Amino acid sequence: MGVIPIVNENDTVSTYEIRVGEDDVLDVSSMDAETFIETLNEREKSIVALQNQGYTQREIAKMFGLTYQRIGAIQRNIKLKWRKFNEK
């Protein structure tokens, strides 16, 4: 994962995106991204990495031997962790 300048639809600039679902993206600074990623377990890190590479929930599910619904649940959990991380 690297730092990529991104102009969002509301014309704000983010330096990093973390994909956590087919259409869900977390906009974060590069420092926040690396610190946040460190809080995830290995499976969550792998899922985020695969999602950022463009794999779909179904493709990721097949790789892990899980249902795509379970991958969706893991991604929702990652978003909850992100919200808690930002409350600090």
Protein backbone atom coordinates (compact mmCIF):
# COMPACT_ATOMS: atom_id res chain seq x y z
CA MET A 1 0.00 0.00 0.00
CA GLY A 2 1.29 3.42 -0.89
CA VAL A 3 0.39 7.06 -0.61
CA ILE A 4 -1.76 8.29 -3.49
CA PRO A 5 -3.20 11.82 -3.71
CA ILE A 6 -6.93 11.56 -4.37
CA VAL A 7 -9.45 14.30 -5.11
CA ASN A 8 -12.79 13.21 -3.69
CA GLU A 9 -16.19 13.98 -5.18
CA ASN A 10 -16.53 16.94 -2.79
CA ASP A 11 -13.19 18.35 -4.06
CA THR A 12 -11.29 17.62 -0.85
CA VAL A 13 -7.92 15.95 -1.13
CA SER A 14 -7.17 12.73 0.64
CA THR A 15 -3.78 11.12 0.56
CA TYR A 16 -4.94 7.54 0.86
CA GLU A 17 -7.95 5.32 0.33
CA ILE A 18 -8.69 2.03 2.02
CA ARG A 19 -11.32 -0.05 0.23
CA VAL A 20 -13.43 -2.07 2.65
CA GLY A 21 -16.21 -3.18 0.36
CA GLU A 22 -17.32 -3.11 -3.23
CA ASP A 23 -18.37 0.55 -2.93
CA ASP A 24 -16.99 1.54 0.49
CA VAL A 25 -13.82 3.59 0.71
CA LEU A 26 -12.21 5.15 3.79
CA ASP A 27 -10.33 8.38 3.04
CA VAL A 28 -7.36 8.73 5.35
CA SER A 29 -3.95 10.34 5.59
CA SER A 30 -1.00 8.06 4.94
CA MET A 31 0.06 8.14 8.61
CA ASP A 32 -3.45 7.28 9.80
CA ALA A 33 -3.68 4.48 7.23
CA GLU A 34 -0.51 2.77 8.37
CA THR A 35 -1.38 3.16 12.05
CA PHE A 36 -4.91 1.88 11.44
CA ILE A 37 -3.77 -1.09 9.35
CA GLU A 38 -1.51 -2.14 12.23
CA THR A 39 -4.61 -2.51 14.45
CA LEU A 40 -6.16 -5.11 12.13
CA ASN A 41 -5.64 -8.85 12.45
CA GLU A 42 -3.84 -10.70 9.64
CA ARG A 43 -7.03 -11.84 7.89
CA GLU A 44 -8.45 -8.30 7.94
CA LYS A 45 -5.15 -6.92 6.58
CA SER A 46 -5.22 -9.49 3.77
CA ILE A 47 -8.83 -8.69 2.90
CA VAL A 48 -8.11 -4.94 2.79
CA ALA A 49 -5.03 -5.56 0.62
CA LEU A 50 -6.98 -7.76 -1.80
CA GLN A 51 -9.88 -5.30 -1.95
CA ASN A 52 -7.41 -2.50 -2.74
CA GLN A 53 -6.04 -4.64 -5.57
CA GLY A 54 -9.52 -4.76 -7.09
CA TYR A 55 -10.74 -8.21 -6.02
CA THR A 56 -14.47 -8.54 -5.35
CA GLN A 57 -16.05 -9.94 -2.20
CA ARG A 58 -16.85 -13.16 -4.04
CA GLU A 59 -13.28 -13.57 -5.29
CA ILE A 60 -11.86 -12.89 -1.82
CA ALA A 61 -14.37 -15.29 -0.26
CA LYS A 62 -13.25 -18.05 -2.61
CA MET A 63 -9.59 -17.44 -1.69
CA PHE A 64 -10.37 -17.75 2.03
CA GLY A 65 -12.92 -20.55 1.73
CA LEU A 66 -15.63 -18.29 3.17
CA THR A 67 -18.97 -17.00 1.91
CA TYR A 68 -19.09 -13.56 0.36
CA GLN A 69 -21.54 -12.64 3.13
CA ARG A 70 -18.86 -13.44 5.73
CA ILE A 71 -16.37 -11.24 3.86
CA GLY A 72 -18.99 -8.46 3.95
CA ALA A 73 -19.34 -8.93 7.70
CA ILE A 74 -15.56 -8.72 8.14
CA GLN A 75 -15.52 -5.53 6.06
CA ARG A 76 -18.28 -4.02 8.19
CA ASN A 77 -16.20 -4.88 11.26
CA ILE A 78 -13.21 -3.09 9.71
CA LYS A 79 -15.39 0.01 9.21
CA LEU A 80 -16.46 -0.15 12.86
CA LYS A 81 -12.82 -0.40 13.90
CA TRP A 82 -12.11 2.66 11.73
CA ARG A 83 -14.80 4.67 13.49
CA LYS A 84 -13.42 3.70 16.89
CA PHE A 85 -9.89 4.47 15.72
CA ASN A 86 -11.00 7.98 14.71
CA GLU A 87 -12.60 8.61 18.12
CA LYS A 88 -9.16 8.59 19.74
